Amino acid sequence: MRTVRIGTRGSRLAKWQAEWVQSKLMAAGVKAELVVIQTLGDQQLETALYQMGSKGLFTKALDEALISNQIDLAVHSTKDIPTEFEDSLELGITLKREDPRDVLVGLREDVHFENLNQSFKIGTSSLRRQALIHHYFPGHTLLDVRGNLDTRIEKLKNGLYDGLVLAYAGVKRLGLNSFIRQKFKVNVITPAVAQGAIGVIYRKSDDDQMIWKEILNDVTTFTEILAERAFLRKMEAGCHAPVFGLATLTGNLLSIDAGIASLDGKSLIRQSLDGLAVDAEFLGTSVAESVLALGGKSMLHGIKN
């Protein structure tokens, strides 16, 4: 059997994710090697993501490597994958999802939002996080922060921020749990669509895709991600608007909680819907339609303009 070439970004977290995929393939008897590829999002580290205006900041270079047959699999944080990409490619695999919540990390134990006596300088490059913090925990100074996870932690140590809001999954995967000061409830700081999940893209024409799916794919996570990405696709928001969404599968019942907040956090629209797992994409689309009808459409228009 051929050696599978796994494409990945060069950050420590990205390589950790790709190495996890590699280890699962090799444990099943499939030879695999990593191929590191630099993306646009890695090259421009001083500009806020929402200001860069390009879809696939962390994925396009790997898509191109797949199309040109330089790699066989592209491994990503699924939340970085646009809802639309090259027709010849498929996001057909998601590994078992880590806890999708966001966390507040800091060097001091007093850095948490339940501490009502202080105002903190909080670093985050996410419009979603900024809007939800403004809504639920007003009074703090929110500052953009770019760079990979190690770089952000270094900036924290250098005193540029009192705390950072990050995805728990990345913090855990890199062994940085000791910095966690607060883990947010999902009905407050609701995660980004597909947060905590590792996604694998491959060519639709590849004959080995069924083998990879059998080894790597987690059906529960895949179903949840289908609903969440259907919500995001209908919203047409991408990373340029503070939208959020989390689906949870229990047995055959799928629940999705999703919405949008204004940039200043003063307005928030949140909708929930339950249904059958087989209707995952329909549920995600339906929630988006409700959010748009309740004012989300005008809110998105105001944000984009």
C-alpha atoms as a PDB file:
ATOM      1  CA  MET A   1       0.000   0.000   0.000  1.00  0.00           C
ATOM      2  CA  ARG A   2       1.256   3.501  -0.834  1.00  0.00           C
ATOM      3  CA  THR A   3       2.494   5.947   1.786  1.00  0.00           C
ATOM      4  CA  VAL A   4      -0.211   8.522   2.524  1.00  0.00           C
ATOM      5  CA  ARG A   5       1.065  12.111   2.406  1.00  0.00           C
ATOM      6  CA  ILE A   6      -0.608  14.226   5.097  1.00  0.00           C
ATOM      7  CA  GLY A   7      -0.561  17.975   4.503  1.00  0.00           C
ATOM      8  CA  THR A   8      -0.433  20.298   7.506  1.00  0.00           C
ATOM      9  CA  ARG A   9       0.394  23.846   8.508  1.00  0.00           C
ATOM     10  CA  GLY A  10       3.662  24.302  10.349  1.00  0.00           C
ATOM     11  CA  SER A  11       2.455  25.435  13.778  1.00  0.00           C
ATOM     12  CA  ARG A  12       2.926  23.131  16.755  1.00  0.00           C
ATOM     13  CA  LEU A  13      -0.829  22.689  17.157  1.00  0.00           C
ATOM     14  CA  ALA A  14      -1.370  21.964  13.458  1.00  0.00           C
ATOM     15  CA  LYS A  15       1.398  19.375  13.483  1.00  0.00           C
ATOM     16  CA  TRP A  16      -0.024  17.823  16.658  1.00  0.00           C
ATOM     17  CA  GLN A  17      -3.335  17.356  14.854  1.00  0.00           C
ATOM     18  CA  ALA A  18      -1.687  15.908  11.752  1.00  0.00           C
ATOM     19  CA  GLU A  19       0.443  13.581  13.863  1.00  0.00           C
ATOM     20  CA  TRP A  20      -2.725  12.319  15.570  1.00  0.00           C
ATOM     21  CA  VAL A  21      -4.157  11.460  12.151  1.00  0.00           C
ATOM     22  CA  GLN A  22      -0.843   9.868  11.176  1.00  0.00           C
ATOM     23  CA  SER A  23      -0.753   7.745  14.342  1.00  0.00           C
ATOM     24  CA  LYS A  24      -4.280   6.431  13.754  1.00  0.00           C
ATOM     25  CA  LEU A  25      -3.483   5.499  10.166  1.00  0.00           C
ATOM     26  CA  MET A  26      -0.229   3.793  11.098  1.00  0.00           C
ATOM     27  CA  ALA A  27      -1.900   1.888  13.945  1.00  0.00           C
ATOM     28  CA  ALA A  28      -4.246   0.484  11.307  1.00  0.00           C
ATOM     29  CA  GLY A  29      -1.332  -0.545   9.107  1.00  0.00           C
ATOM     30  CA  VAL A  30      -1.353   2.433   6.722  1.00  0.00           C
ATOM     31  CA  LYS A  31       2.013   4.088   6.111  1.00  0.00           C
ATOM     32  CA  ALA A  32       1.839   7.879   6.434  1.00  0.00           C
ATOM     33  CA  GLU A  33       4.179  10.878   6.378  1.00  0.00           C
ATOM     34  CA  LEU A  34       3.734  14.602   7.070  1.00  0.00           C
ATOM     35  CA  VAL A  35       4.194  17.377   4.507  1.00  0.00           C
ATOM     36  CA  VAL A  36       4.371  20.892   6.003  1.00  0.00           C
ATOM     37  CA  ILE A  37       2.841  23.685   3.900  1.00  0.00           C
ATOM     38  CA  GLN A  38       2.748  27.399   4.773  1.00  0.00           C
ATOM     39  CA  THR A  39      -0.579  29.192   4.352  1.00  0.00           C
ATOM     40  CA  LEU A  40      -1.564  32.837   3.871  1.00  0.00           C
ATOM     41  CA  GLY A  41      -2.868  33.013   7.440  1.00  0.00           C
ATOM     42  CA  ASP A  42       0.551  31.921   8.726  1.00  0.00           C
ATOM     43  CA  GLN A  43       2.399  34.487   6.633  1.00  0.00           C
ATOM     44  CA  GLN A  44       0.414  37.574   7.718  1.00  0.00           C
ATOM     45  CA  LEU A  45       0.497  37.531  11.488  1.00  0.00           C
ATOM     46  CA  GLU A  46       0.019  41.201  12.299  1.00  0.00           C
ATOM     47  CA  THR A  47      -3.388  41.724  10.667  1.00  0.00           C
ATOM     48  CA  ALA A  48      -6.633  40.728  12.403  1.00  0.00           C
ATOM     49  CA  LEU A  49      -8.251  37.763  10.653  1.00  0.00           C
ATOM     50  CA  TYR A  50     -11.533  39.566  10.013  1.00  0.00           C
ATOM     51  CA  GLN A  51      -9.623  42.381   8.252  1.00  0.00           C
ATOM     52  CA  MET A  52      -7.813  40.097   5.794  1.00  0.00           C
ATOM     53  CA  GLY A  53     -10.953  39.512   3.726  1.00  0.00           C
ATOM     54  CA  SER A  54      -9.931  36.200   2.196  1.00  0.00           C
ATOM     55  CA  LYS A  55     -11.679  32.857   2.563  1.00  0.00           C
ATOM     56  CA  GLY A  56      -9.514  29.853   3.307  1.00  0.00           C
ATOM     57  CA  LEU A  57      -6.697  31.786   4.955  1.00  0.00           C
ATOM     58  CA  PHE A  58      -5.483  28.587   6.621  1.00  0.00           C
ATOM     59  CA  THR A  59      -6.693  26.080   4.030  1.00  0.00           C
ATOM     60  CA  LYS A  60      -6.282  27.287   0.444  1.00  0.00           C
ATOM     61  CA  ALA A  61      -2.599  26.362   0.122  1.00  0.00           C
ATOM     62  CA  LEU A  62      -3.372  22.820   1.276  1.00  0.00           C
ATOM     63  CA  ASP A  63      -6.334  22.625  -1.129  1.00  0.00           C
ATOM     64  CA  GLU A  64      -3.967  23.527  -3.952  1.00  0.00           C
ATOM     65  CA  ALA A  65      -1.496  20.880  -2.799  1.00  0.00           C
ATOM     66  CA  LEU A  66      -4.263  18.279  -2.892  1.00  0.00           C
ATOM     67  CA  ILE A  67      -5.367  19.300  -6.376  1.00  0.00           C
ATOM     68  CA  SER A  68      -1.783  19.185  -7.682  1.00  0.00           C
ATOM     69  CA  ASN A  69      -1.265  15.764  -6.043  1.00  0.00           C
ATOM     70  CA  GLN A  70       1.494  16.928  -3.698  1.00  0.00           C
ATOM     71  CA  ILE A  71      -0.444  15.482  -0.747  1.00  0.00           C
ATOM     72  CA  ASP A  72      -3.271  12.965  -0.238  1.00  0.00           C
ATOM     73  CA  LEU A  73      -4.910  14.318   2.919  1.00  0.00           C
ATOM     74  CA  ALA A  74      -5.166  17.848   4.314  1.00  0.00           C
ATOM     75  CA  VAL A  75      -5.651  18.090   8.090  1.00  0.00           C
ATOM     76  CA  HIS A  76      -7.229  21.203   9.585  1.00  0.00           C
ATOM     77  CA  SER A  77      -9.027  22.559  12.588  1.00  0.00           C
ATOM     78  CA  THR A  78     -12.487  22.156  11.072  1.00  0.00           C
ATOM     79  CA  LYS A  79     -13.551  25.634  12.168  1.00  0.00           C
ATOM     80  CA  ASP A  80     -10.942  27.036   9.720  1.00  0.00           C
ATOM     81  CA  ILE A  81     -12.454  25.248   6.707  1.00  0.00           C
ATOM     82  CA  PRO A  82     -14.745  27.437   4.559  1.00  0.00           C
ATOM     83  CA  THR A  83     -18.232  26.079   3.928  1.00  0.00           C
ATOM     84  CA  GLU A  84     -17.509  26.187   0.182  1.00  0.00           C
ATOM     85  CA  PHE A  85     -14.297  24.976  -1.441  1.00  0.00           C
ATOM     86  CA  GLU A  86     -12.994  23.251  -4.576  1.00  0.00           C
ATOM     87  CA  ASP A  87     -15.539  20.923  -6.224  1.00  0.00           C
ATOM     88  CA  SER A  88     -12.958  18.173  -6.660  1.00  0.00           C
ATOM     89  CA  LEU A  89     -12.325  17.997  -2.892  1.00  0.00           C
ATOM     90  CA  GLU A  90     -14.393  16.679   0.004  1.00  0.00           C
ATOM     91  CA  LEU A  91     -14.483  17.191   3.749  1.00  0.00           C
ATOM     92  CA  GLY A  92     -15.568  13.619   4.470  1.00  0.00           C
ATOM     93  CA  ILE A  93     -13.824  12.927   7.773  1.00  0.00           C
ATOM     94  CA  THR A  94     -13.957  14.493  11.221  1.00  0.00           C
ATOM     95  CA  LEU A  95     -12.154  12.858  14.114  1.00  0.00           C
ATOM     96  CA  LYS A  96     -13.760  12.558  17.550  1.00  0.00           C
ATOM     97  CA  ARG A  97     -14.345  16.053  18.834  1.00  0.00           C
ATOM     98  CA  GLU A  98     -12.617  17.509  21.868  1.00  0.00           C
ATOM     99  CA  ASP A  99     -14.586  19.623  24.362  1.00  0.00           C
ATOM    100  CA  PRO A 100     -15.614  22.546  22.097  1.00  0.00           C
ATOM    101  CA  ARG A 101     -15.741  25.246  24.777  1.00  0.00           C
ATOM    102  CA  ASP A 102     -13.689  28.429  24.994  1.00  0.00           C
ATOM    103  CA  VAL A 103     -11.467  29.162  27.980  1.00  0.00           C
ATOM    104  CA  LEU A 104      -9.904  32.220  29.564  1.00  0.00           C
ATOM    105  CA  VAL A 105      -6.182  31.727  30.183  1.00  0.00           C
ATOM    106  CA  GLY A 106      -3.958  33.924  32.315  1.00  0.00           C
ATOM    107  CA  LEU A 107      -0.864  33.920  34.482  1.00  0.00           C
ATOM    108  CA  ARG A 108      -2.632  35.178  37.612  1.00  0.00           C
ATOM    109  CA  GLU A 109      -5.391  33.365  39.476  1.00  0.00           C
ATOM    110  CA  ASP A 110      -7.464  36.558  39.803  1.00  0.00           C
ATOM    111  CA  VAL A 111      -7.907  36.792  36.028  1.00  0.00           C
ATOM    112  CA  HIS A 112     -11.451  35.558  35.485  1.00  0.00           C
ATOM    113  CA  PHE A 113     -14.718  37.224  34.561  1.00  0.00           C
ATOM    114  CA  GLU A 114     -16.381  36.347  37.862  1.00  0.00           C
ATOM    115  CA  ASN A 115     -13.942  38.805  39.443  1.00  0.00           C
ATOM    116  CA  LEU A 116     -16.182  41.855  39.286  1.00  0.00           C
ATOM    117  CA  ASN A 117     -13.695  44.136  41.023  1.00  0.00           C
ATOM    118  CA  GLN A 118     -11.262  44.365  38.115  1.00  0.00           C
ATOM    119  CA  SER A 119     -11.178  45.181  34.434  1.00  0.00           C
ATOM    120  CA  PHE A 120      -8.774  43.164  32.320  1.00  0.00           C
ATOM    121  CA  LYS A 121      -6.967  43.507  28.997  1.00  0.00           C
ATOM    122  CA  ILE A 122      -8.151  40.482  27.058  1.00  0.00           C
ATOM    123  CA  GLY A 123      -6.590  39.281  23.822  1.00  0.00           C
ATOM    124  CA  THR A 124      -8.681  37.610  21.116  1.00  0.00           C
ATOM    125  CA  SER A 125      -8.721  37.829  17.326  1.00  0.00           C
ATOM    126  CA  SER A 126     -12.277  36.462  17.100  1.00  0.00           C
ATOM    127  CA  LEU A 127     -15.214  38.800  16.475  1.00  0.00           C
ATOM    128  CA  ARG A 128     -17.504  36.139  17.972  1.00  0.00           C
ATOM    129  CA  ARG A 129     -15.567  36.070  21.232  1.00  0.00           C
ATOM    130  CA  GLN A 130     -15.358  39.857  21.371  1.00  0.00           C
ATOM    131  CA  ALA A 131     -19.108  40.279  20.841  1.00  0.00           C
ATOM    132  CA  LEU A 132     -20.104  37.625  23.373  1.00  0.00           C
ATOM    133  CA  ILE A 133     -17.696  38.967  25.996  1.00  0.00           C
ATOM    134  CA  HIS A 134     -19.125  42.462  25.480  1.00  0.00           C
ATOM    135  CA  HIS A 135     -22.621  40.993  25.901  1.00  0.00           C
ATOM    136  CA  TYR A 136     -22.123  38.755  28.933  1.00  0.00           C
ATOM    137  CA  PHE A 137     -19.018  40.241  30.604  1.00  0.00           C
ATOM    138  CA  PRO A 138     -18.935  43.994  29.781  1.00  0.00           C
ATOM    139  CA  GLY A 139     -16.295  46.376  31.091  1.00  0.00           C
ATOM    140  CA  HIS A 140     -13.108  44.731  29.858  1.00  0.00           C
ATOM    141  CA  THR A 141     -10.670  46.014  27.227  1.00  0.00           C
ATOM    142  CA  LEU A 142     -10.559  43.663  24.236  1.00  0.00           C
ATOM    143  CA  LEU A 143      -7.435  43.680  22.070  1.00  0.00           C
ATOM    144  CA  ASP A 144      -6.567  41.811  18.866  1.00  0.00           C
ATOM    145  CA  VAL A 145      -3.956  39.086  19.132  1.00  0.00           C
ATOM    146  CA  ARG A 146      -2.502  37.040  16.262  1.00  0.00           C
ATOM    147  CA  GLY A 147       0.028  34.258  15.965  1.00  0.00           C
ATOM    148  CA  ASN A 148      -0.046  30.573  16.793  1.00  0.00           C
ATOM    149  CA  LEU A 149      -0.893  29.377  20.279  1.00  0.00           C
ATOM    150  CA  ASP A 150       2.699  29.384  21.530  1.00  0.00           C
ATOM    151  CA  THR A 151       3.189  32.933  20.231  1.00  0.00           C
ATOM    152  CA  ARG A 152       0.036  34.124  21.985  1.00  0.00           C
ATOM    153  CA  ILE A 153       1.096  32.575  25.280  1.00  0.00           C
ATOM    154  CA  GLU A 154       4.486  34.293  24.912  1.00  0.00           C
ATOM    155  CA  LYS A 155       2.723  37.641  24.420  1.00  0.00           C
ATOM    156  CA  LEU A 156       0.722  36.906  27.586  1.00  0.00           C
ATOM    157  CA  LYS A 157       3.938  36.231  29.510  1.00  0.00           C
ATOM    158  CA  ASN A 158       5.370  39.513  28.210  1.00  0.00           C
ATOM    159  CA  GLY A 159       2.490  41.404  29.828  1.00  0.00           C
ATOM    160  CA  LEU A 160       0.714  42.571  26.681  1.00  0.00           C
ATOM    161  CA  TYR A 161      -2.521  41.049  27.975  1.00  0.00           C
ATOM    162  CA  ASP A 162      -3.959  40.000  31.323  1.00  0.00           C
ATOM    163  CA  GLY A 163      -5.707  37.085  29.681  1.00  0.00           C
ATOM    164  CA  LEU A 164      -6.491  35.385  26.381  1.00  0.00           C
ATOM    165  CA  VAL A 165      -9.695  33.705  25.262  1.00  0.00           C
ATOM    166  CA  LEU A 166      -8.855  30.517  23.376  1.00  0.00           C
ATOM    167  CA  ALA A 167     -10.376  27.218  22.315  1.00  0.00           C
ATOM    168  CA  TYR A 168      -9.981  24.640  25.081  1.00  0.00           C
ATOM    169  CA  ALA A 169      -9.104  21.973  22.501  1.00  0.00           C
ATOM    170  CA  GLY A 170      -5.880  23.672  21.446  1.00  0.00           C
ATOM    171  CA  VAL A 171      -4.897  24.540  25.010  1.00  0.00           C
ATOM    172  CA  LYS A 172      -5.352  20.919  26.075  1.00  0.00           C
ATOM    173  CA  ARG A 173      -3.610  19.424  23.044  1.00  0.00           C
ATOM    174  CA  LEU A 174      -0.478  21.467  23.717  1.00  0.00           C
ATOM    175  CA  GLY A 175      -0.467  20.728  27.461  1.00  0.00           C
ATOM    176  CA  LEU A 176      -1.233  24.299  28.570  1.00  0.00           C
ATOM    177  CA  ASN A 177      -4.071  23.480  30.987  1.00  0.00           C
ATOM    178  CA  SER A 178      -2.245  25.099  33.908  1.00  0.00           C
ATOM    179  CA  PHE A 179      -2.958  28.525  32.365  1.00  0.00           C
ATOM    180  CA  ILE A 180      -6.747  28.036  32.335  1.00  0.00           C
ATOM    181  CA  ARG A 181      -8.555  30.411  34.696  1.00  0.00           C
ATOM    182  CA  GLN A 182     -12.138  29.943  33.480  1.00  0.00           C
ATOM    183  CA  LYS A 183     -13.984  27.529  31.191  1.00  0.00           C
ATOM    184  CA  PHE A 184     -17.102  29.109  29.694  1.00  0.00           C
ATOM    185  CA  LYS A 185     -20.552  27.566  29.535  1.00  0.00           C
ATOM    186  CA  VAL A 186     -21.636  26.809  25.973  1.00  0.00           C
ATOM    187  CA  ASN A 187     -24.891  28.733  26.415  1.00  0.00           C
ATOM    188  CA  VAL A 188     -22.876  31.874  27.254  1.00  0.00           C
ATOM    189  CA  ILE A 189     -19.688  31.966  25.168  1.00  0.00           C
ATOM    190  CA  THR A 190     -21.037  29.607  22.521  1.00  0.00           C
ATOM    191  CA  PRO A 191     -18.257  28.077  20.396  1.00  0.00           C
ATOM    192  CA  ALA A 192     -17.497  28.778  16.778  1.00  0.00           C
ATOM    193  CA  VAL A 193     -18.965  26.371  14.254  1.00  0.00           C
ATOM    194  CA  ALA A 194     -16.967  23.092  14.286  1.00  0.00           C
ATOM    195  CA  GLN A 195     -14.715  24.193  17.157  1.00  0.00           C
ATOM    196  CA  GLY A 196     -12.787  21.342  18.764  1.00  0.00           C
ATOM    197  CA  ALA A 197     -13.029  19.054  15.714  1.00  0.00           C
ATOM    198  CA  ILE A 198     -10.217  18.007  13.396  1.00  0.00           C
ATOM    199  CA  GLY A 199     -11.282  17.754   9.750  1.00  0.00           C
ATOM    200  CA  VAL A 200      -9.650  15.843   6.908  1.00  0.00           C
ATOM    201  CA  ILE A 201     -10.051  16.854   3.243  1.00  0.00           C
ATOM    202  CA  TYR A 202      -9.180  14.569   0.328  1.00  0.00           C
ATOM    203  CA  ARG A 203      -9.754  14.305  -3.422  1.00  0.00           C
ATOM    204  CA  LYS A 204     -13.184  12.914  -4.288  1.00  0.00           C
ATOM    205  CA  SER A 205     -11.514  10.731  -6.898  1.00  0.00           C
ATOM    206  CA  ASP A 206      -9.159   9.007  -4.439  1.00  0.00           C
ATOM    207  CA  ASP A 207      -9.733   5.255  -4.303  1.00  0.00           C
ATOM    208  CA  ASP A 208      -8.568   4.983  -0.658  1.00  0.00           C
ATOM    209  CA  GLN A 209     -11.119   7.368   0.856  1.00  0.00           C
ATOM    210  CA  MET A 210     -13.312   4.583   2.287  1.00  0.00           C
ATOM    211  CA  ILE A 211     -10.308   3.098   4.080  1.00  0.00           C
ATOM    212  CA  TRP A 212      -9.470   6.484   5.601  1.00  0.00           C
ATOM    213  CA  LYS A 213     -13.077   7.062   6.657  1.00  0.00           C
ATOM    214  CA  GLU A 214     -13.281   3.702   8.389  1.00  0.00           C
ATOM    215  CA  ILE A 215     -10.089   4.391  10.350  1.00  0.00           C
ATOM    216  CA  LEU A 216     -10.557   8.077  11.170  1.00  0.00           C
ATOM    217  CA  ASN A 217     -14.157   9.256  10.996  1.00  0.00           C
ATOM    218  CA  ASP A 218     -16.291   9.726  14.126  1.00  0.00           C
ATOM    219  CA  VAL A 219     -19.953   9.544  13.092  1.00  0.00           C
ATOM    220  CA  THR A 220     -21.260  11.557  16.057  1.00  0.00           C
ATOM    221  CA  THR A 221     -18.858  14.428  15.437  1.00  0.00           C
ATOM    222  CA  PHE A 222     -19.451  14.293  11.681  1.00  0.00           C
ATOM    223  CA  THR A 223     -23.219  14.623  12.178  1.00  0.00           C
ATOM    224  CA  GLU A 224     -22.840  17.559  14.562  1.00  0.00           C
ATOM    225  CA  ILE A 225     -20.481  19.308  12.162  1.00  0.00           C
ATOM    226  CA  LEU A 226     -22.904  18.806   9.255  1.00  0.00           C
ATOM    227  CA  ALA A 227     -25.577  20.745  11.147  1.00  0.00           C
ATOM    228  CA  GLU A 228     -23.227  23.502  12.283  1.00  0.00           C
ATOM    229  CA  ARG A 229     -21.689  24.040   8.844  1.00  0.00           C
ATOM    230  CA  ALA A 230     -25.161  24.084   7.244  1.00  0.00           C
ATOM    231  CA  PHE A 231     -26.044  26.895   9.665  1.00  0.00           C
ATOM    232  CA  LEU A 232     -22.899  28.842   8.776  1.00  0.00           C
ATOM    233  CA  ARG A 233     -23.390  28.267   5.039  1.00  0.00           C
ATOM    234  CA  LYS A 234     -26.916  29.676   5.170  1.00  0.00           C
ATOM    235  CA  MET A 235     -25.783  32.652   7.247  1.00  0.00           C
ATOM    236  CA  GLU A 236     -23.059  33.453   4.666  1.00  0.00           C
ATOM    237  CA  ALA A 237     -21.016  34.947   7.489  1.00  0.00           C
ATOM    238  CA  GLY A 238     -17.626  33.206   7.525  1.00  0.00           C
ATOM    239  CA  CYS A 239     -15.069  34.627   9.972  1.00  0.00           C
ATOM    240  CA  HIS A 240     -16.164  38.192   9.255  1.00  0.00           C
ATOM    241  CA  ALA A 241     -19.160  38.234  11.607  1.00  0.00           C
ATOM    242  CA  PRO A 242     -19.749  37.222  15.244  1.00  0.00           C
ATOM    243  CA  VAL A 243     -21.805  34.082  14.590  1.00  0.00           C
ATOM    244  CA  PHE A 244     -21.780  31.014  16.813  1.00  0.00           C
ATOM    245  CA  GLY A 245     -23.213  27.516  16.696  1.00  0.00           C
ATOM    246  CA  LEU A 246     -23.028  24.213  18.537  1.00  0.00           C
ATOM    247  CA  ALA A 247     -24.840  20.971  17.732  1.00  0.00           C
ATOM    248  CA  THR A 248     -25.033  18.037  20.141  1.00  0.00           C
ATOM    249  CA  LEU A 249     -26.017  14.499  19.161  1.00  0.00           C
ATOM    250  CA  THR A 250     -27.553  12.215  21.819  1.00  0.00           C
ATOM    251  CA  GLY A 251     -28.667   8.901  20.417  1.00  0.00           C
ATOM    252  CA  ASN A 252     -30.649   9.809  17.318  1.00  0.00           C
ATOM    253  CA  LEU A 253     -31.638  13.257  18.632  1.00  0.00           C
ATOM    254  CA  LEU A 254     -29.672  16.244  17.392  1.00  0.00           C
ATOM    255  CA  SER A 255     -29.910  19.646  19.099  1.00  0.00           C
ATOM    256  CA  ILE A 256     -28.428  22.841  17.709  1.00  0.00           C
ATOM    257  CA  ASP A 257     -28.021  26.205  19.444  1.00  0.00           C
ATOM    258  CA  ALA A 258     -26.799  29.015  17.207  1.00  0.00           C
ATOM    259  CA  GLY A 259     -27.007  32.717  16.551  1.00  0.00           C
ATOM    260  CA  ILE A 260     -25.327  36.051  15.989  1.00  0.00           C
ATOM    261  CA  ALA A 261     -24.351  39.036  18.121  1.00  0.00           C
ATOM    262  CA  SER A 262     -23.695  42.641  17.218  1.00  0.00           C
ATOM    263  CA  LEU A 263     -20.070  43.734  17.355  1.00  0.00           C
ATOM    264  CA  ASP A 264     -20.669  45.786  20.486  1.00  0.00           C
ATOM    265  CA  GLY A 265     -22.525  42.907  22.141  1.00  0.00           C
ATOM    266  CA  LYS A 266     -25.647  44.972  22.779  1.00  0.00           C
ATOM    267  CA  SER A 267     -27.846  42.837  20.522  1.00  0.00           C
ATOM    268  CA  LEU A 268     -27.884  39.048  20.417  1.00  0.00           C
ATOM    269  CA  ILE A 269     -30.118  36.620  18.523  1.00  0.00           C
ATOM    270  CA  ARG A 270     -30.035  32.988  19.647  1.00  0.00           C
ATOM    271  CA  GLN A 271     -32.187  30.130  18.383  1.00  0.00           C
ATOM    272  CA  SER A 272     -32.330  26.411  19.231  1.00  0.00           C
ATOM    273  CA  LEU A 273     -33.862  23.461  17.421  1.00  0.00           C
ATOM    274  CA  ASP A 274     -34.126  19.705  18.037  1.00  0.00           C
ATOM    275  CA  GLY A 275     -34.601  17.001  15.439  1.00  0.00           C
ATOM    276  CA  LEU A 276     -33.367  13.694  14.068  1.00  0.00           C
ATOM    277  CA  ALA A 277     -29.718  13.113  13.222  1.00  0.00           C
ATOM    278  CA  VAL A 278     -30.595  12.238   9.624  1.00  0.00           C
ATOM    279  CA  ASP A 279     -31.903  15.787   9.224  1.00  0.00           C
ATOM    280  CA  ALA A 280     -28.667  17.427  10.402  1.00  0.00           C
ATOM    281  CA  GLU A 281     -28.218  19.794   7.477  1.00  0.00           C
ATOM    282  CA  PHE A 282     -31.915  20.689   7.411  1.00  0.00           C
ATOM    283  CA  LEU A 283     -31.796  21.564  11.131  1.00  0.00           C
ATOM    284  CA  GLY A 284     -28.748  23.782  10.671  1.00  0.00           C
ATOM    285  CA  THR A 285     -30.315  25.572   7.725  1.00  0.00           C
ATOM    286  CA  SER A 286     -33.613  26.013   9.582  1.00  0.00           C
ATOM    287  CA  VAL A 287     -31.926  27.595  12.601  1.00  0.00           C
ATOM    288  CA  ALA A 288     -30.091  30.006  10.304  1.00  0.00           C
ATOM    289  CA  GLU A 289     -33.352  30.973   8.597  1.00  0.00           C
ATOM    290  CA  SER A 290     -34.893  31.731  12.002  1.00  0.00           C
ATOM    291  CA  VAL A 291     -31.896  33.820  13.067  1.00  0.00           C
ATOM    292  CA  LEU A 292     -31.924  35.764   9.795  1.00  0.00           C
ATOM    293  CA  ALA A 293     -35.673  36.381  10.007  1.00  0.00           C
ATOM    294  CA  LEU A 294     -35.440  37.657  13.596  1.00  0.00           C
ATOM    295  CA  GLY A 295     -33.015  40.412  12.648  1.00  0.00           C
ATOM    296  CA  GLY A 296     -29.852  38.540  11.811  1.00  0.00           C
ATOM    297  CA  LYS A 297     -30.018  39.555   8.162  1.00  0.00           C
ATOM    298  CA  SER A 298     -29.982  43.280   8.946  1.00  0.00           C
ATOM    299  CA  MET A 299     -27.336  42.724  11.615  1.00  0.00           C
ATOM    300  CA  LEU A 300     -25.096  40.952   9.083  1.00  0.00           C
ATOM    301  CA  HIS A 301     -25.663  43.714   6.544  1.00  0.00           C
ATOM    302  CA  GLY A 302     -24.608  46.322   9.092  1.00  0.00           C
ATOM    303  CA  ILE A 303     -21.480  44.379  10.026  1.00  0.00           C
ATOM    304  CA  LYS A 304     -20.384  43.781   6.428  1.00  0.00           C
ATOM    305  CA  ASN A 305     -20.904  47.427   5.489  1.00  0.00           C
END
